[in-house]
Amino acid sequence: MSDGRPIAVTAQYIAPDAVNGYLLIEALQQKHALLMSWQSHLYVCYGVTYRKDYDAGGEVMDPILTFLLIDTRYSDSRREVVFNRETDDWKKVQGLLWVAVTLQ
């Protein structure tokens, strides 16, 4: 830190097939940064839209509808990007990184 305090930065890779709604919602609620690699570009995921569903056994499911992204390459209207799970190709997502910073 600028005041001399040390920090530790950790990152956990999440493969596209391991991404689930609960994990993403939990990370964002805890204010952890998520980085998403999509179409060979890196985006900051600052939010998601999701729906609460229940399966036949009453278990809660949180299907993600959209990822709200920031494209750090731009500072104009192209900066805000939305990945829509229904219309965008999930196969073009290379994964996510869950980034956490802690004071030492």
PDB file of N, CA and C in Angstrom:
ATOM      1  N   MET A   1       0.845  -1.175   0.000  1.00  0.00           N
ATOM      2  CA  MET A   1       0.000   0.000   0.000  1.00  0.00           C
ATOM      3  C   MET A   1       0.892   1.240   0.000  1.00  0.00           C
ATOM      4  N   SER A   2       0.322   2.366  -0.355  1.00  0.00           N
ATOM      5  CA  SER A   2       1.105   3.599  -0.416  1.00  0.00           C
ATOM      6  C   SER A   2       1.620   4.022   0.955  1.00  0.00           C
ATOM      7  N   ASP A   3       0.963   3.529   2.028  1.00  0.00           N
ATOM      8  CA  ASP A   3       1.425   3.874   3.377  1.00  0.00           C
ATOM      9  C   ASP A   3       2.424   2.856   3.931  1.00  0.00           C
ATOM     10  N   GLY A   4       2.842   1.902   3.102  1.00  0.00           N
ATOM     11  CA  GLY A   4       3.859   0.939   3.514  1.00  0.00           C
ATOM     12  C   GLY A   4       3.325  -0.389   4.030  1.00  0.00           C
ATOM     13  N   ARG A   5       2.021  -0.504   4.240  1.00  0.00           N
ATOM     14  CA  ARG A   5       1.453  -1.775   4.705  1.00  0.00           C
ATOM     15  C   ARG A   5       1.491  -2.797   3.578  1.00  0.00           C
ATOM     16  N   PRO A   6       1.945  -4.013   3.881  1.00  0.00           N
ATOM     17  CA  PRO A   6       1.978  -5.049   2.837  1.00  0.00           C
ATOM     18  C   PRO A   6       0.592  -5.652   2.612  1.00  0.00           C
ATOM     19  N   ILE A   7       0.363  -6.090   1.382  1.00  0.00           N
ATOM     20  CA  ILE A   7      -0.875  -6.775   1.035  1.00  0.00           C
ATOM     21  C   ILE A   7      -0.533  -8.078   0.323  1.00  0.00           C
ATOM     22  N   ALA A   8      -1.481  -8.982   0.315  1.00  0.00           N
ATOM     23  CA  ALA A   8      -1.348 -10.215  -0.456  1.00  0.00           C
ATOM     24  C   ALA A   8      -2.500 -10.261  -1.452  1.00  0.00           C
ATOM     25  N   VAL A   9      -2.166 -10.528  -2.691  1.00  0.00           N
ATOM     26  CA  VAL A   9      -3.171 -10.648  -3.748  1.00  0.00           C
ATOM     27  C   VAL A   9      -3.219 -12.111  -4.156  1.00  0.00           C
ATOM     28  N   THR A  10      -4.410 -12.698  -4.110  1.00  0.00           N
ATOM     29  CA  THR A  10      -4.578 -14.083  -4.531  1.00  0.00           C
ATOM     30  C   THR A  10      -5.619 -14.125  -5.645  1.00  0.00           C
ATOM     31  N   ALA A  11      -5.464 -15.099  -6.508  1.00  0.00           N
ATOM     32  CA  ALA A  11      -6.411 -15.262  -7.610  1.00  0.00           C
ATOM     33  C   ALA A  11      -6.724 -16.746  -7.761  1.00  0.00           C
ATOM     34  N   GLN A  12      -7.988 -17.032  -7.933  1.00  0.00           N
ATOM     35  CA  GLN A  12      -8.436 -18.406  -8.129  1.00  0.00           C
ATOM     36  C   GLN A  12      -9.074 -18.505  -9.504  1.00  0.00           C
ATOM     37  N   TYR A  13      -8.535 -19.381 -10.355  1.00  0.00           N
ATOM     38  CA  TYR A  13      -9.095 -19.588 -11.689  1.00  0.00           C
ATOM     39  C   TYR A  13     -10.344 -20.441 -11.584  1.00  0.00           C
ATOM     40  N   ILE A  14     -11.384 -20.032 -12.304  1.00  0.00           N
ATOM     41  CA  ILE A  14     -12.636 -20.786 -12.358  1.00  0.00           C
ATOM     42  C   ILE A  14     -12.879 -21.131 -13.824  1.00  0.00           C
ATOM     43  N   ALA A  15     -12.810 -22.417 -14.139  1.00  0.00           N
ATOM     44  CA  ALA A  15     -13.021 -22.879 -15.507  1.00  0.00           C
ATOM     45  C   ALA A  15     -14.471 -22.610 -15.928  1.00  0.00           C
ATOM     46  N   PRO A  16     -14.716 -22.380 -17.209  1.00  0.00           N
ATOM     47  CA  PRO A  16     -16.080 -22.086 -17.664  1.00  0.00           C
ATOM     48  C   PRO A  16     -17.118 -23.127 -17.240  1.00  0.00           C
ATOM     49  N   ASP A  17     -16.740 -24.406 -17.235  1.00  0.00           N
ATOM     50  CA  ASP A  17     -17.716 -25.436 -16.861  1.00  0.00           C
ATOM     51  C   ASP A  17     -17.940 -25.507 -15.353  1.00  0.00           C
ATOM     52  N   ALA A  18     -17.126 -24.797 -14.563  1.00  0.00           N
ATOM     53  CA  ALA A  18     -17.284 -24.796 -13.104  1.00  0.00           C
ATOM     54  C   ALA A  18     -18.000 -23.542 -12.600  1.00  0.00           C
ATOM     55  N   VAL A  19     -18.296 -22.619 -13.487  1.00  0.00           N
ATOM     56  CA  VAL A  19     -18.958 -21.372 -13.081  1.00  0.00           C
ATOM     57  C   VAL A  19     -20.393 -21.690 -12.680  1.00  0.00           C
ATOM     58  N   ASN A  20     -20.777 -21.196 -11.501  1.00  0.00           N
ATOM     59  CA  ASN A  20     -22.172 -21.368 -11.076  1.00  0.00           C
ATOM     60  C   ASN A  20     -22.660 -20.074 -10.431  1.00  0.00           C
ATOM     61  N   GLY A  21     -23.957 -19.927 -10.419  1.00  0.00           N
ATOM     62  CA  GLY A  21     -24.563 -18.703  -9.923  1.00  0.00           C
ATOM     63  C   GLY A  21     -24.211 -18.395  -8.494  1.00  0.00           C
ATOM     64  N   TYR A  22     -24.265 -19.387  -7.623  1.00  0.00           N
ATOM     65  CA  TYR A  22     -23.983 -19.153  -6.213  1.00  0.00           C
ATOM     66  C   TYR A  22     -22.578 -18.590  -6.028  1.00  0.00           C
ATOM     67  N   LEU A  23     -21.608 -19.180  -6.690  1.00  0.00           N
ATOM     68  CA  LEU A  23     -20.213 -18.751  -6.572  1.00  0.00           C
ATOM     69  C   LEU A  23     -20.050 -17.292  -7.005  1.00  0.00           C
ATOM     70  N   LEU A  24     -20.627 -16.930  -8.129  1.00  0.00           N
ATOM     71  CA  LEU A  24     -20.501 -15.564  -8.636  1.00  0.00           C
ATOM     72  C   LEU A  24     -21.201 -14.554  -7.739  1.00  0.00           C
ATOM     73  N   ILE A  25     -22.401 -14.872  -7.323  1.00  0.00           N
ATOM     74  CA  ILE A  25     -23.158 -13.956  -6.468  1.00  0.00           C
ATOM     75  C   ILE A  25     -22.428 -13.763  -5.144  1.00  0.00           C
ATOM     76  N   GLU A  26     -21.915 -14.839  -4.570  1.00  0.00           N
ATOM     77  CA  GLU A  26     -21.166 -14.765  -3.311  1.00  0.00           C
ATOM     78  C   GLU A  26     -19.928 -13.885  -3.465  1.00  0.00           C
ATOM     79  N   ALA A  27     -19.178 -14.073  -4.536  1.00  0.00           N
ATOM     80  CA  ALA A  27     -17.968 -13.274  -4.771  1.00  0.00           C
ATOM     81  C   ALA A  27     -18.315 -11.793  -4.878  1.00  0.00           C
ATOM     82  N   LEU A  28     -19.329 -11.467  -5.640  1.00  0.00           N
ATOM     83  CA  LEU A  28     -19.706 -10.066  -5.825  1.00  0.00           C
ATOM     84  C   LEU A  28     -20.258  -9.453  -4.539  1.00  0.00           C
ATOM     85  N   GLN A  29     -21.017 -10.214  -3.766  1.00  0.00           N
ATOM     86  CA  GLN A  29     -21.537  -9.696  -2.503  1.00  0.00           C
ATOM     87  C   GLN A  29     -20.416  -9.431  -1.501  1.00  0.00           C
ATOM     88  N   GLN A  30     -19.345 -10.210  -1.581  1.00  0.00           N
ATOM     89  CA  GLN A  30     -18.192 -10.009  -0.699  1.00  0.00           C
ATOM     90  C   GLN A  30     -17.232  -8.963  -1.268  1.00  0.00           C
ATOM     91  N   LYS A  31     -17.624  -8.343  -2.376  1.00  0.00           N
ATOM     92  CA  LYS A  31     -16.844  -7.291  -3.038  1.00  0.00           C
ATOM     93  C   LYS A  31     -15.481  -7.775  -3.523  1.00  0.00           C
ATOM     94  N   HIS A  32     -15.442  -9.007  -4.006  1.00  0.00           N
ATOM     95  CA  HIS A  32     -14.243  -9.548  -4.643  1.00  0.00           C
ATOM     96  C   HIS A  32     -14.301  -9.231  -6.126  1.00  0.00           C
ATOM     97  N   ALA A  33     -13.166  -8.874  -6.662  1.00  0.00           N
ATOM     98  CA  ALA A  33     -13.096  -8.604  -8.090  1.00  0.00           C
ATOM     99  C   ALA A  33     -13.158  -9.918  -8.863  1.00  0.00           C
ATOM    100  N   LEU A  34     -13.875  -9.891  -9.954  1.00  0.00           N
ATOM    101  CA  LEU A  34     -13.914 -11.027 -10.862  1.00  0.00           C
ATOM    102  C   LEU A  34     -13.417 -10.542 -12.219  1.00  0.00           C
ATOM    103  N   LEU A  35     -12.490 -11.259 -12.787  1.00  0.00           N
ATOM    104  CA  LEU A  35     -12.011 -10.961 -14.126  1.00  0.00           C
ATOM    105  C   LEU A  35     -12.507 -12.064 -15.043  1.00  0.00           C
ATOM    106  N   MET A  36     -13.049 -11.676 -16.181  1.00  0.00           N
ATOM    107  CA  MET A  36     -13.611 -12.642 -17.117  1.00  0.00           C
ATOM    108  C   MET A  36     -12.854 -12.551 -18.435  1.00  0.00           C
ATOM    109  N   SER A  37     -12.383 -13.681 -18.912  1.00  0.00           N
ATOM    110  CA  SER A  37     -11.720 -13.744 -20.214  1.00  0.00           C
ATOM    111  C   SER A  37     -12.745 -14.250 -21.219  1.00  0.00           C
ATOM    112  N   TRP A  38     -13.069 -13.367 -22.163  1.00  0.00           N
ATOM    113  CA  TRP A  38     -14.101 -13.670 -23.159  1.00  0.00           C
ATOM    114  C   TRP A  38     -13.610 -13.165 -24.516  1.00  0.00           C
ATOM    115  N   GLN A  39     -13.623 -14.009 -25.492  1.00  0.00           N
ATOM    116  CA  GLN A  39     -13.166 -13.697 -26.844  1.00  0.00           C
ATOM    117  C   GLN A  39     -11.748 -13.115 -26.817  1.00  0.00           C
ATOM    118  N   SER A  40     -10.910 -13.700 -25.986  1.00  0.00           N
ATOM    119  CA  SER A  40      -9.497 -13.320 -25.851  1.00  0.00           C
ATOM    120  C   SER A  40      -9.290 -11.896 -25.327  1.00  0.00           C
ATOM    121  N   HIS A  41     -10.289 -11.344 -24.645  1.00  0.00           N
ATOM    122  CA  HIS A  41     -10.165 -10.041 -23.985  1.00  0.00           C
ATOM    123  C   HIS A  41     -10.471 -10.222 -22.500  1.00  0.00           C
ATOM    124  N   LEU A  42      -9.868  -9.395 -21.685  1.00  0.00           N
ATOM    125  CA  LEU A  42     -10.079  -9.450 -20.244  1.00  0.00           C
ATOM    126  C   LEU A  42     -11.038  -8.340 -19.836  1.00  0.00           C
ATOM    127  N   TYR A  43     -12.080  -8.711 -19.097  1.00  0.00           N
ATOM    128  CA  TYR A  43     -13.091  -7.776 -18.623  1.00  0.00           C
ATOM    129  C   TYR A  43     -13.191  -7.857 -17.106  1.00  0.00           C
ATOM    130  N   VAL A  44     -13.577  -6.754 -16.473  1.00  0.00           N
ATOM    131  CA  VAL A  44     -13.878  -6.748 -15.052  1.00  0.00           C
ATOM    132  C   VAL A  44     -15.374  -6.987 -14.917  1.00  0.00           C
ATOM    133  N   CYS A  45     -15.734  -8.022 -14.167  1.00  0.00           N
ATOM    134  CA  CYS A  45     -17.152  -8.327 -13.927  1.00  0.00           C
ATOM    135  C   CYS A  45     -17.552  -7.633 -12.623  1.00  0.00           C
ATOM    136  N   TYR A  46     -18.433  -6.646 -12.727  1.00  0.00           N
ATOM    137  CA  TYR A  46     -18.848  -5.890 -11.545  1.00  0.00           C
ATOM    138  C   TYR A  46     -20.264  -6.236 -11.092  1.00  0.00           C
ATOM    139  N   GLY A  47     -20.939  -7.078 -11.836  1.00  0.00           N
ATOM    140  CA  GLY A  47     -22.290  -7.461 -11.442  1.00  0.00           C
ATOM    141  C   GLY A  47     -22.854  -8.532 -12.353  1.00  0.00           C
ATOM    142  N   VAL A  48     -23.932  -9.132 -11.900  1.00  0.00           N
ATOM    143  CA  VAL A  48     -24.663 -10.116 -12.684  1.00  0.00           C
ATOM    144  C   VAL A  48     -26.149  -9.886 -12.463  1.00  0.00           C
ATOM    145  N   THR A  49     -26.949 -10.317 -13.424  1.00  0.00           N
ATOM    146  CA  THR A  49     -28.384 -10.404 -13.196  1.00  0.00           C
ATOM    147  C   THR A  49     -28.714 -11.885 -13.160  1.00  0.00           C
ATOM    148  N   TYR A  50     -29.598 -12.248 -12.268  1.00  0.00           N
ATOM    149  CA  TYR A  50     -29.928 -13.659 -12.108  1.00  0.00           C
ATOM    150  C   TYR A  50     -31.370 -13.813 -11.674  1.00  0.00           C
ATOM    151  N   ARG A  51     -31.809 -15.042 -11.679  1.00  0.00           N
ATOM    152  CA  ARG A  51     -33.182 -15.385 -11.323  1.00  0.00           C
ATOM    153  C   ARG A  51     -33.133 -16.468 -10.252  1.00  0.00           C
ATOM    154  N   LYS A  52     -33.994 -16.375  -9.265  1.00  0.00           N
ATOM    155  CA  LYS A  52     -34.109 -17.430  -8.247  1.00  0.00           C
ATOM    156  C   LYS A  52     -35.076 -18.486  -8.756  1.00  0.00           C
ATOM    157  N   ASP A  53     -34.575 -19.702  -8.917  1.00  0.00           N
ATOM    158  CA  ASP A  53     -35.405 -20.829  -9.333  1.00  0.00           C
ATOM    159  C   ASP A  53     -35.307 -21.911  -8.271  1.00  0.00           C
ATOM    160  N   TYR A  54     -36.239 -22.827  -8.297  1.00  0.00           N
ATOM    161  CA  TYR A  54     -36.235 -23.967  -7.375  1.00  0.00           C
ATOM    162  C   TYR A  54     -36.444 -25.229  -8.178  1.00  0.00           C
ATOM    163  N   ASP A  55     -35.645 -26.257  -7.873  1.00  0.00           N
ATOM    164  CA  ASP A  55     -35.835 -27.522  -8.572  1.00  0.00           C
ATOM    165  C   ASP A  55     -36.964 -28.308  -7.914  1.00  0.00           C
ATOM    166  N   ALA A  56     -37.238 -29.503  -8.429  1.00  0.00           N
ATOM    167  CA  ALA A  56     -38.358 -30.318  -7.933  1.00  0.00           C
ATOM    168  C   ALA A  56     -38.208 -30.667  -6.457  1.00  0.00           C
ATOM    169  N   GLY A  57     -36.977 -30.738  -5.958  1.00  0.00           N
ATOM    170  CA  GLY A  57     -36.734 -31.054  -4.551  1.00  0.00           C
ATOM    171  C   GLY A  57     -36.724 -29.842  -3.643  1.00  0.00           C
ATOM    172  N   GLY A  58     -36.968 -28.659  -4.201  1.00  0.00           N
ATOM    173  CA  GLY A  58     -36.997 -27.442  -3.395  1.00  0.00           C
ATOM    174  C   GLY A  58     -35.645 -26.767  -3.239  1.00  0.00           C
ATOM    175  N   GLU A  59     -34.614 -27.293  -3.914  1.00  0.00           N
ATOM    176  CA  GLU A  59     -33.279 -26.690  -3.846  1.00  0.00           C
ATOM    177  C   GLU A  59     -33.255 -25.393  -4.659  1.00  0.00           C
ATOM    178  N   VAL A  60     -32.581 -24.380  -4.118  1.00  0.00           N
ATOM    179  CA  VAL A  60     -32.474 -23.090  -4.787  1.00  0.00           C
ATOM    180  C   VAL A  60     -31.425 -23.162  -5.894  1.00  0.00           C
ATOM    181  N   MET A  61     -31.774 -22.621  -7.040  1.00  0.00           N
ATOM    182  CA  MET A  61     -30.835 -22.489  -8.154  1.00  0.00           C
ATOM    183  C   MET A  61     -30.808 -21.014  -8.533  1.00  0.00           C
ATOM    184  N   ASP A  62     -29.644 -20.509  -8.866  1.00  0.00           N
ATOM    185  CA  ASP A  62     -29.484 -19.104  -9.244  1.00  0.00           C
ATOM    186  C   ASP A  62     -28.907 -19.008 -10.656  1.00  0.00           C
ATOM    187  N   PRO A  63     -29.719 -19.229 -11.689  1.00  0.00           N
ATOM    188  CA  PRO A  63     -29.168 -19.128 -13.043  1.00  0.00           C
ATOM    189  C   PRO A  63     -28.799 -17.676 -13.382  1.00  0.00           C
ATOM    190  N   ILE A  64     -27.569 -17.499 -13.861  1.00  0.00           N
ATOM    191  CA  ILE A  64     -27.087 -16.184 -14.262  1.00  0.00           C
ATOM    192  C   ILE A  64     -27.663 -15.862 -15.643  1.00  0.00           C
ATOM    193  N   LEU A  65     -28.244 -14.682 -15.771  1.00  0.00           N
ATOM    194  CA  LEU A  65     -28.810 -14.248 -17.043  1.00  0.00           C
ATOM    195  C   LEU A  65     -27.812 -13.405 -17.825  1.00  0.00           C
ATOM    196  N   THR A  66     -27.193 -12.430 -17.152  1.00  0.00           N
ATOM    197  CA  THR A  66     -26.205 -11.575 -17.805  1.00  0.00           C
ATOM    198  C   THR A  66     -25.040 -11.292 -16.868  1.00  0.00           C
ATOM    199  N   PHE A  67     -23.887 -11.040 -17.466  1.00  0.00           N
ATOM    200  CA  PHE A  67     -22.704 -10.574 -16.751  1.00  0.00           C
ATOM    201  C   PHE A  67     -22.527  -9.106 -17.114  1.00  0.00           C
ATOM    202  N   LEU A  68     -22.390  -8.239 -16.127  1.00  0.00           N
ATOM    203  CA  LEU A  68     -22.161  -6.819 -16.354  1.00  0.00           C
ATOM    204  C   LEU A  68     -20.656  -6.595 -16.301  1.00  0.00           C
ATOM    205  N   LEU A  69     -20.086  -6.146 -17.413  1.00  0.00           N
ATOM    206  CA  LEU A  69     -18.635  -6.105 -17.573  1.00  0.00           C
ATOM    207  C   LEU A  69     -18.136  -4.707 -17.880  1.00  0.00           C
ATOM    208  N   ILE A  70     -16.865  -4.491 -17.528  1.00  0.00           N
ATOM    209  CA  ILE A  70     -16.154  -3.270 -17.896  1.00  0.00           C
ATOM    210  C   ILE A  70     -14.986  -3.673 -18.775  1.00  0.00           C
ATOM    211  N   ASP A  71     -14.902  -3.033 -19.932  1.00  0.00           N
ATOM    212  CA  ASP A  71     -13.782  -3.241 -20.839  1.00  0.00           C
ATOM    213  C   ASP A  71     -12.789  -2.117 -20.565  1.00  0.00           C
ATOM    214  N   THR A  72     -11.703  -2.435 -19.877  1.00  0.00           N
ATOM    215  CA  THR A  72     -10.755  -1.413 -19.429  1.00  0.00           C
ATOM    216  C   THR A  72      -9.956  -0.793 -20.573  1.00  0.00           C
ATOM    217  N   ARG A  73     -10.106  -1.300 -21.786  1.00  0.00           N
ATOM    218  CA  ARG A  73      -9.410  -0.714 -22.933  1.00  0.00           C
ATOM    219  C   ARG A  73     -10.010   0.621 -23.335  1.00  0.00           C
ATOM    220  N   TYR A  74     -11.250   0.884 -22.897  1.00  0.00           N
ATOM    221  CA  TYR A  74     -11.963   2.068 -23.358  1.00  0.00           C
ATOM    222  C   TYR A  74     -12.401   2.941 -22.183  1.00  0.00           C
ATOM    223  N   SER A  75     -12.604   4.226 -22.478  1.00  0.00           N
ATOM    224  CA  SER A  75     -13.128   5.141 -21.472  1.00  0.00           C
ATOM    225  C   SER A  75     -14.404   5.827 -21.963  1.00  0.00           C
ATOM    226  N   ASP A  76     -14.934   5.375 -23.087  1.00  0.00           N
ATOM    227  CA  ASP A  76     -16.146   5.956 -23.641  1.00  0.00           C
ATOM    228  C   ASP A  76     -17.307   4.959 -23.528  1.00  0.00           C
ATOM    229  N   SER A  77     -18.295   5.094 -24.380  1.00  0.00           N
ATOM    230  CA  SER A  77     -19.494   4.251 -24.295  1.00  0.00           C
ATOM    231  C   SER A  77     -19.201   2.768 -24.536  1.00  0.00           C
ATOM    232  N   ARG A  78     -18.061   2.438 -25.129  1.00  0.00           N
ATOM    233  CA  ARG A  78     -17.700   1.031 -25.350  1.00  0.00           C
ATOM    234  C   ARG A  78     -17.222   0.348 -24.072  1.00  0.00           C
ATOM    235  N   ARG A  79     -17.021   1.108 -23.017  1.00  0.00           N
ATOM    236  CA  ARG A  79     -16.487   0.571 -21.757  1.00  0.00           C
ATOM    237  C   ARG A  79     -17.436  -0.427 -21.096  1.00  0.00           C
ATOM    238  N   GLU A  80     -18.726  -0.150 -21.117  1.00  0.00           N
ATOM    239  CA  GLU A  80     -19.712  -1.025 -20.472  1.00  0.00           C
ATOM    240  C   GLU A  80     -20.185  -2.072 -21.466  1.00  0.00           C
ATOM    241  N   VAL A  81     -20.029  -3.334 -21.079  1.00  0.00           N
ATOM    242  CA  VAL A  81     -20.350  -4.468 -21.952  1.00  0.00           C
ATOM    243  C   VAL A  81     -21.245  -5.422 -21.168  1.00  0.00           C
ATOM    244  N   VAL A  82     -22.166  -6.048 -21.860  1.00  0.00           N
ATOM    245  CA  VAL A  82     -23.031  -7.048 -21.234  1.00  0.00           C
ATOM    246  C   VAL A  82     -22.853  -8.372 -21.973  1.00  0.00           C
ATOM    247  N   PHE A  83     -22.556  -9.425 -21.206  1.00  0.00           N
ATOM    248  CA  PHE A  83     -22.535 -10.776 -21.762  1.00  0.00           C
ATOM    249  C   PHE A  83     -23.875 -11.403 -21.409  1.00  0.00           C
ATOM    250  N   ASN A  84     -24.652 -11.754 -22.435  1.00  0.00           N
ATOM    251  CA  ASN A  84     -25.974 -12.340 -22.245  1.00  0.00           C
ATOM    252  C   ASN A  84     -25.871 -13.848 -22.458  1.00  0.00           C
ATOM    253  N   ARG A  85     -26.213 -14.628 -21.432  1.00  0.00           N
ATOM    254  CA  ARG A  85     -26.084 -16.087 -21.528  1.00  0.00           C
ATOM    255  C   ARG A  85     -26.976 -16.694 -22.609  1.00  0.00           C
ATOM    256  N   GLU A  86     -28.060 -16.024 -22.972  1.00  0.00           N
ATOM    257  CA  GLU A  86     -28.962 -16.576 -23.985  1.00  0.00           C
ATOM    258  C   GLU A  86     -28.498 -16.288 -25.409  1.00  0.00           C
ATOM    259  N   THR A  87     -27.819 -15.166 -25.618  1.00  0.00           N
ATOM    260  CA  THR A  87     -27.465 -14.779 -26.986  1.00  0.00           C
ATOM    261  C   THR A  87     -25.970 -14.849 -27.287  1.00  0.00           C
ATOM    262  N   ASP A  88     -25.109 -14.762 -26.274  1.00  0.00           N
ATOM    263  CA  ASP A  88     -23.661 -14.829 -26.495  1.00  0.00           C
ATOM    264  C   ASP A  88     -23.177 -16.262 -26.331  1.00  0.00           C
ATOM    265  N   ASP A  89     -22.094 -16.585 -26.997  1.00  0.00           N
ATOM    266  CA  ASP A  89     -21.565 -17.947 -27.024  1.00  0.00           C
ATOM    267  C   ASP A  89     -20.681 -18.209 -25.803  1.00  0.00           C
ATOM    268  N   TRP A  90     -21.167 -19.034 -24.875  1.00  0.00           N
ATOM    269  CA  TRP A  90     -20.425 -19.375 -23.653  1.00  0.00           C
ATOM    270  C   TRP A  90     -19.113 -20.090 -23.985  1.00  0.00           C
ATOM    271  N   LYS A  91     -19.029 -20.729 -25.143  1.00  0.00           N
ATOM    272  CA  LYS A  91     -17.804 -21.428 -25.545  1.00  0.00           C
ATOM    273  C   LYS A  91     -16.650 -20.457 -25.793  1.00  0.00           C
ATOM    274  N   LYS A  92     -16.950 -19.178 -25.946  1.00  0.00           N
ATOM    275  CA  LYS A  92     -15.914 -18.174 -26.155  1.00  0.00           C
ATOM    276  C   LYS A  92     -15.407 -17.577 -24.838  1.00  0.00           C
ATOM    277  N   VAL A  93     -15.930 -18.064 -23.723  1.00  0.00           N
ATOM    278  CA  VAL A  93     -15.439 -17.645 -22.407  1.00  0.00           C
ATOM    279  C   VAL A  93     -14.332 -18.606 -21.995  1.00  0.00           C
ATOM    280  N   GLN A  94     -13.155 -18.055 -21.723  1.00  0.00           N
ATOM    281  CA  GLN A  94     -12.016 -18.893 -21.342  1.00  0.00           C
ATOM    282  C   GLN A  94     -11.960 -19.143 -19.838  1.00  0.00           C
ATOM    283  N   GLY A  95     -12.744 -18.426 -19.055  1.00  0.00           N
ATOM    284  CA  GLY A  95     -12.773 -18.634 -17.620  1.00  0.00           C
ATOM    285  C   GLY A  95     -12.858 -17.319 -16.867  1.00  0.00           C
ATOM    286  N   LEU A  96     -12.885 -17.453 -15.545  1.00  0.00           N
ATOM    287  CA  LEU A  96     -12.918 -16.297 -14.661  1.00  0.00           C
ATOM    288  C   LEU A  96     -11.828 -16.409 -13.623  1.00  0.00           C
ATOM    289  N   LEU A  97     -11.405 -15.254 -13.108  1.00  0.00           N
ATOM    290  CA  LEU A  97     -10.470 -15.204 -11.988  1.00  0.00           C
ATOM    291  C   LEU A  97     -11.154 -14.497 -10.845  1.00  0.00           C
ATOM    292  N   TRP A  98     -11.136 -15.118  -9.681  1.00  0.00           N
ATOM    293  CA  TRP A  98     -11.647 -14.519  -8.461  1.00  0.00           C
ATOM    294  C   TRP A  98     -10.437 -13.922  -7.763  1.00  0.00           C
ATOM    295  N   VAL A  99     -10.367 -12.603  -7.694  1.00  0.00           N
ATOM    296  CA  VAL A  99      -9.219 -11.903  -7.125  1.00  0.00           C
ATOM    297  C   VAL A  99      -9.575 -11.373  -5.747  1.00  0.00           C
ATOM    298  N   ALA A 100      -8.686 -11.620  -4.790  1.00  0.00           N
ATOM    299  CA  ALA A 100      -8.899 -11.136  -3.425  1.00  0.00           C
ATOM    300  C   ALA A 100      -7.612 -10.466  -2.939  1.00  0.00           C
ATOM    301  N   VAL A 101      -7.786  -9.407  -2.178  1.00  0.00           N
ATOM    302  CA  VAL A 101      -6.661  -8.677  -1.598  1.00  0.00           C
ATOM    303  C   VAL A 101      -6.854  -8.647  -0.095  1.00  0.00           C
ATOM    304  N   THR A 102      -5.805  -8.989   0.636  1.00  0.00           N
ATOM    305  CA  THR A 102      -5.863  -8.951   2.104  1.00  0.00           C
ATOM    306  C   THR A 102      -4.644  -8.211   2.636  1.00  0.00           C
ATOM    307  N   LEU A 103      -4.850  -7.480   3.725  1.00  0.00           N
ATOM    308  CA  LEU A 103      -3.732  -6.818   4.392  1.00  0.00           C
ATOM    309  C   LEU A 103      -2.919  -7.857   5.138  1.00  0.00           C
ATOM    310  N   GLN A 104      -1.621  -7.689   5.156  1.00  0.00           N
ATOM    311  CA  GLN A 104      -0.729  -8.628   5.867  1.00  0.00           C
ATOM    312  C   GLN A 104      -0.442  -8.132   7.267  1.00  0.00           C
TER     313      GLN A 104
END
